Amino acid sequence: MSRLGTGDVFGEMSLLDAVGANATVRALRRTSLLRLPISDLTEVLERFPAVRQHLHALRDARAEINARLPFAPGDEPMLVV
């Protein structure tokens, strides 16, 4: 489990890989969120290659972290944000 701060994102793995979300996120205090539909994200990624590169790098880093997590038999891997 991790804490996210100002400017952090979550959900990029499910959007970029077109898989269902598998993270639980809870706000500890009043929070503003930006919900970005896949169609809008696709446009952003096409228009701004730096954003695409950043999100892909973030996804790859989180996937590497998740791959090192210990799981009990029968457990499903989960996204750690």
N, C-alpha and C. Protein backbone atom coordinates (compact mmCIF):
# COMPACT_ATOMS: atom_id res chain seq x y z
N MET A 1 0.85 -1.17 0.00
CA MET A 1 0.00 0.00 0.00
C MET A 1 0.90 1.23 0.00
N SER A 2 0.46 2.24 -0.69
CA SER A 2 1.20 3.50 -0.78
C SER A 2 0.25 4.66 -0.61
N ARG A 3 0.83 5.81 -0.35
CA ARG A 3 0.05 7.05 -0.29
C ARG A 3 0.34 7.85 -1.54
N LEU A 4 -0.71 8.39 -2.11
CA LEU A 4 -0.56 9.26 -3.26
C LEU A 4 -0.65 10.70 -2.80
N GLY A 5 0.03 11.55 -3.50
CA GLY A 5 0.02 12.97 -3.16
C GLY A 5 -0.41 13.80 -4.35
N THR A 6 -0.28 15.08 -4.20
CA THR A 6 -0.65 16.03 -5.24
C THR A 6 0.04 15.66 -6.55
N GLY A 7 -0.76 15.55 -7.60
CA GLY A 7 -0.22 15.26 -8.92
C GLY A 7 -0.02 13.79 -9.23
N ASP A 8 -0.20 12.90 -8.25
CA ASP A 8 -0.07 11.47 -8.49
C ASP A 8 -1.29 10.95 -9.23
N VAL A 9 -1.12 9.82 -9.89
CA VAL A 9 -2.21 9.22 -10.66
C VAL A 9 -2.39 7.77 -10.25
N PHE A 10 -3.56 7.23 -10.55
CA PHE A 10 -3.81 5.81 -10.40
C PHE A 10 -4.77 5.39 -11.50
N GLY A 11 -4.79 4.11 -11.80
CA GLY A 11 -5.67 3.60 -12.84
C GLY A 11 -5.03 3.54 -14.22
N GLU A 12 -3.78 3.98 -14.34
CA GLU A 12 -3.14 3.99 -15.65
C GLU A 12 -2.93 2.59 -16.20
N MET A 13 -2.69 1.62 -15.33
CA MET A 13 -2.44 0.26 -15.82
C MET A 13 -3.69 -0.29 -16.52
N SER A 14 -4.84 -0.12 -15.90
CA SER A 14 -6.06 -0.66 -16.50
C SER A 14 -6.42 0.09 -17.79
N LEU A 15 -6.17 1.39 -17.85
CA LEU A 15 -6.48 2.14 -19.06
C LEU A 15 -5.53 1.79 -20.20
N LEU A 16 -4.24 1.75 -19.90
CA LEU A 16 -3.26 1.48 -20.95
C LEU A 16 -3.30 0.04 -21.43
N ASP A 17 -3.62 -0.88 -20.53
CA ASP A 17 -3.63 -2.30 -20.89
C ASP A 17 -5.03 -2.83 -21.20
N ALA A 18 -6.03 -1.95 -21.13
CA ALA A 18 -7.43 -2.32 -21.43
C ALA A 18 -7.88 -3.53 -20.61
N VAL A 19 -7.58 -3.48 -19.30
CA VAL A 19 -8.03 -4.53 -18.38
C VAL A 19 -8.82 -3.88 -17.26
N GLY A 20 -9.58 -4.67 -16.55
CA GLY A 20 -10.37 -4.13 -15.45
C GLY A 20 -9.48 -3.60 -14.34
N ALA A 21 -9.95 -2.58 -13.68
CA ALA A 21 -9.20 -2.00 -12.56
C ALA A 21 -9.17 -2.98 -11.41
N ASN A 22 -8.04 -3.02 -10.71
CA ASN A 22 -7.92 -3.94 -9.58
C ASN A 22 -7.31 -3.26 -8.36
N ALA A 23 -7.49 -1.97 -8.27
CA ALA A 23 -6.97 -1.23 -7.13
C ALA A 23 -8.13 -0.66 -6.31
N THR A 24 -7.88 -0.54 -5.03
CA THR A 24 -8.82 0.15 -4.15
C THR A 24 -8.13 1.43 -3.69
N VAL A 25 -8.80 2.53 -3.87
CA VAL A 25 -8.23 3.83 -3.50
C VAL A 25 -9.18 4.50 -2.53
N ARG A 26 -8.63 4.99 -1.43
CA ARG A 26 -9.44 5.70 -0.43
C ARG A 26 -8.79 7.05 -0.14
N ALA A 27 -9.61 8.06 -0.07
CA ALA A 27 -9.11 9.40 0.27
C ALA A 27 -9.15 9.57 1.79
N LEU A 28 -8.08 10.12 2.33
CA LEU A 28 -8.01 10.37 3.77
C LEU A 28 -8.59 11.72 4.14
N ARG A 29 -8.73 12.59 3.15
CA ARG A 29 -9.31 13.92 3.37
C ARG A 29 -9.96 14.37 2.07
N ARG A 30 -10.59 15.51 2.11
CA ARG A 30 -11.27 16.06 0.93
C ARG A 30 -10.30 16.05 -0.25
N THR A 31 -10.76 15.51 -1.38
CA THR A 31 -9.90 15.29 -2.53
C THR A 31 -10.61 15.68 -3.81
N SER A 32 -9.87 16.26 -4.72
CA SER A 32 -10.38 16.54 -6.06
C SER A 32 -9.78 15.53 -7.02
N LEU A 33 -10.64 14.93 -7.81
CA LEU A 33 -10.20 13.93 -8.78
C LEU A 33 -10.59 14.35 -10.18
N LEU A 34 -9.82 13.92 -11.14
CA LEU A 34 -10.14 14.11 -12.54
C LEU A 34 -10.43 12.73 -13.11
N ARG A 35 -11.64 12.54 -13.58
CA ARG A 35 -12.00 11.28 -14.22
C ARG A 35 -11.85 11.48 -15.71
N LEU A 36 -11.04 10.62 -16.33
CA LEU A 36 -10.72 10.78 -17.74
C LEU A 36 -11.15 9.53 -18.50
N PRO A 37 -12.21 9.63 -19.30
CA PRO A 37 -12.65 8.48 -20.10
C PRO A 37 -11.56 8.05 -21.08
N ILE A 38 -11.55 6.78 -21.45
CA ILE A 38 -10.52 6.24 -22.33
C ILE A 38 -10.44 7.00 -23.65
N SER A 39 -11.58 7.45 -24.18
CA SER A 39 -11.57 8.19 -25.45
C SER A 39 -10.79 9.49 -25.31
N ASP A 40 -10.96 10.17 -24.18
CA ASP A 40 -10.23 11.41 -23.94
C ASP A 40 -8.75 11.14 -23.68
N LEU A 41 -8.46 10.07 -22.94
CA LEU A 41 -7.07 9.72 -22.69
C LEU A 41 -6.36 9.39 -24.00
N THR A 42 -7.02 8.67 -24.87
CA THR A 42 -6.42 8.32 -26.16
C THR A 42 -6.03 9.58 -26.93
N GLU A 43 -6.91 10.56 -26.91
CA GLU A 43 -6.61 11.83 -27.60
C GLU A 43 -5.41 12.53 -26.96
N VAL A 44 -5.38 12.57 -25.64
CA VAL A 44 -4.26 13.20 -24.93
C VAL A 44 -2.95 12.50 -25.27
N LEU A 45 -2.97 11.17 -25.27
CA LEU A 45 -1.75 10.41 -25.54
C LEU A 45 -1.26 10.60 -26.97
N GLU A 46 -2.19 10.79 -27.90
CA GLU A 46 -1.82 11.04 -29.29
C GLU A 46 -1.24 12.45 -29.46
N ARG A 47 -1.82 13.42 -28.79
CA ARG A 47 -1.39 14.81 -28.94
C ARG A 47 -0.15 15.16 -28.14
N PHE A 48 0.09 14.43 -27.05
CA PHE A 48 1.20 14.76 -26.15
C PHE A 48 2.04 13.51 -25.87
N PRO A 49 3.02 13.24 -26.74
CA PRO A 49 3.85 12.04 -26.59
C PRO A 49 4.57 11.96 -25.24
N ALA A 50 4.91 13.08 -24.65
CA ALA A 50 5.59 13.06 -23.35
C ALA A 50 4.68 12.48 -22.27
N VAL A 51 3.39 12.78 -22.33
CA VAL A 51 2.43 12.23 -21.37
C VAL A 51 2.34 10.72 -21.58
N ARG A 52 2.27 10.29 -22.85
CA ARG A 52 2.22 8.86 -23.15
C ARG A 52 3.46 8.14 -22.59
N GLN A 53 4.63 8.71 -22.84
CA GLN A 53 5.88 8.10 -22.35
C GLN A 53 5.89 8.03 -20.82
N HIS A 54 5.43 9.09 -20.16
CA HIS A 54 5.41 9.12 -18.70
C HIS A 54 4.46 8.04 -18.15
N LEU A 55 3.26 7.94 -18.70
CA LEU A 55 2.31 6.95 -18.20
C LEU A 55 2.77 5.52 -18.47
N HIS A 56 3.39 5.30 -19.62
CA HIS A 56 3.91 3.96 -19.91
C HIS A 56 5.06 3.60 -18.96
N ALA A 57 5.92 4.56 -18.68
CA ALA A 57 7.02 4.32 -17.74
C ALA A 57 6.49 4.04 -16.34
N LEU A 58 5.48 4.79 -15.93
CA LEU A 58 4.85 4.59 -14.62
C LEU A 58 4.21 3.21 -14.55
N ARG A 59 3.47 2.84 -15.59
CA ARG A 59 2.84 1.52 -15.64
C ARG A 59 3.89 0.42 -15.55
N ASP A 60 4.97 0.55 -16.31
CA ASP A 60 6.01 -0.48 -16.31
C ASP A 60 6.68 -0.59 -14.94
N ALA A 61 6.93 0.54 -14.29
CA ALA A 61 7.54 0.52 -12.96
C ALA A 61 6.61 -0.13 -11.94
N ARG A 62 5.33 0.17 -12.00
CA ARG A 62 4.39 -0.44 -11.06
C ARG A 62 4.23 -1.93 -11.33
N ALA A 63 4.25 -2.32 -12.59
CA ALA A 63 4.15 -3.75 -12.92
C ALA A 63 5.35 -4.50 -12.37
N GLU A 64 6.51 -3.89 -12.43
CA GLU A 64 7.72 -4.52 -11.88
C GLU A 64 7.61 -4.67 -10.37
N ILE A 65 7.12 -3.65 -9.70
CA ILE A 65 6.91 -3.71 -8.25
C ILE A 65 5.91 -4.81 -7.92
N ASN A 66 4.81 -4.84 -8.65
CA ASN A 66 3.77 -5.85 -8.40
C ASN A 66 4.30 -7.26 -8.60
N ALA A 67 5.18 -7.44 -9.58
CA ALA A 67 5.73 -8.77 -9.86
C ALA A 67 6.59 -9.29 -8.71
N ARG A 68 7.13 -8.39 -7.90
CA ARG A 68 7.98 -8.79 -6.77
C ARG A 68 7.21 -9.00 -5.48
N LEU A 69 5.91 -8.68 -5.48
CA LEU A 69 5.12 -8.84 -4.26
C LEU A 69 4.88 -10.32 -3.97
N PRO A 70 4.97 -10.71 -2.71
CA PRO A 70 4.67 -12.11 -2.38
C PRO A 70 3.17 -12.35 -2.38
N PHE A 71 2.75 -13.44 -2.97
CA PHE A 71 1.34 -13.80 -3.00
C PHE A 71 1.17 -15.19 -2.41
N ALA A 72 0.07 -15.35 -1.71
CA ALA A 72 -0.28 -16.67 -1.20
C ALA A 72 -0.92 -17.47 -2.34
N PRO A 73 -0.85 -18.80 -2.28
CA PRO A 73 -1.50 -19.59 -3.34
C PRO A 73 -2.96 -19.19 -3.51
N GLY A 74 -3.37 -18.99 -4.75
CA GLY A 74 -4.75 -18.61 -5.03
C GLY A 74 -5.00 -17.11 -5.03
N ASP A 75 -4.04 -16.32 -4.54
CA ASP A 75 -4.21 -14.86 -4.54
C ASP A 75 -4.08 -14.33 -5.96
N GLU A 76 -4.80 -13.27 -6.22
CA GLU A 76 -4.68 -12.57 -7.49
C GLU A 76 -3.74 -11.38 -7.28
N PRO A 77 -2.84 -11.13 -8.23
CA PRO A 77 -1.99 -9.93 -8.11
C PRO A 77 -2.86 -8.69 -8.06
N MET A 78 -2.42 -7.67 -7.34
CA MET A 78 -3.18 -6.43 -7.28
C MET A 78 -2.24 -5.25 -7.50
N LEU A 79 -2.79 -4.18 -7.98
CA LEU A 79 -2.04 -2.97 -8.23
C LEU A 79 -1.72 -2.29 -6.91
N VAL A 80 -0.48 -1.93 -6.73
CA VAL A 80 -0.10 -1.18 -5.54
C VAL A 80 0.19 0.24 -5.98
N VAL A 81 -0.57 1.18 -5.43
CA VAL A 81 -0.38 2.58 -5.78
C VAL A 81 0.05 3.36 -4.56
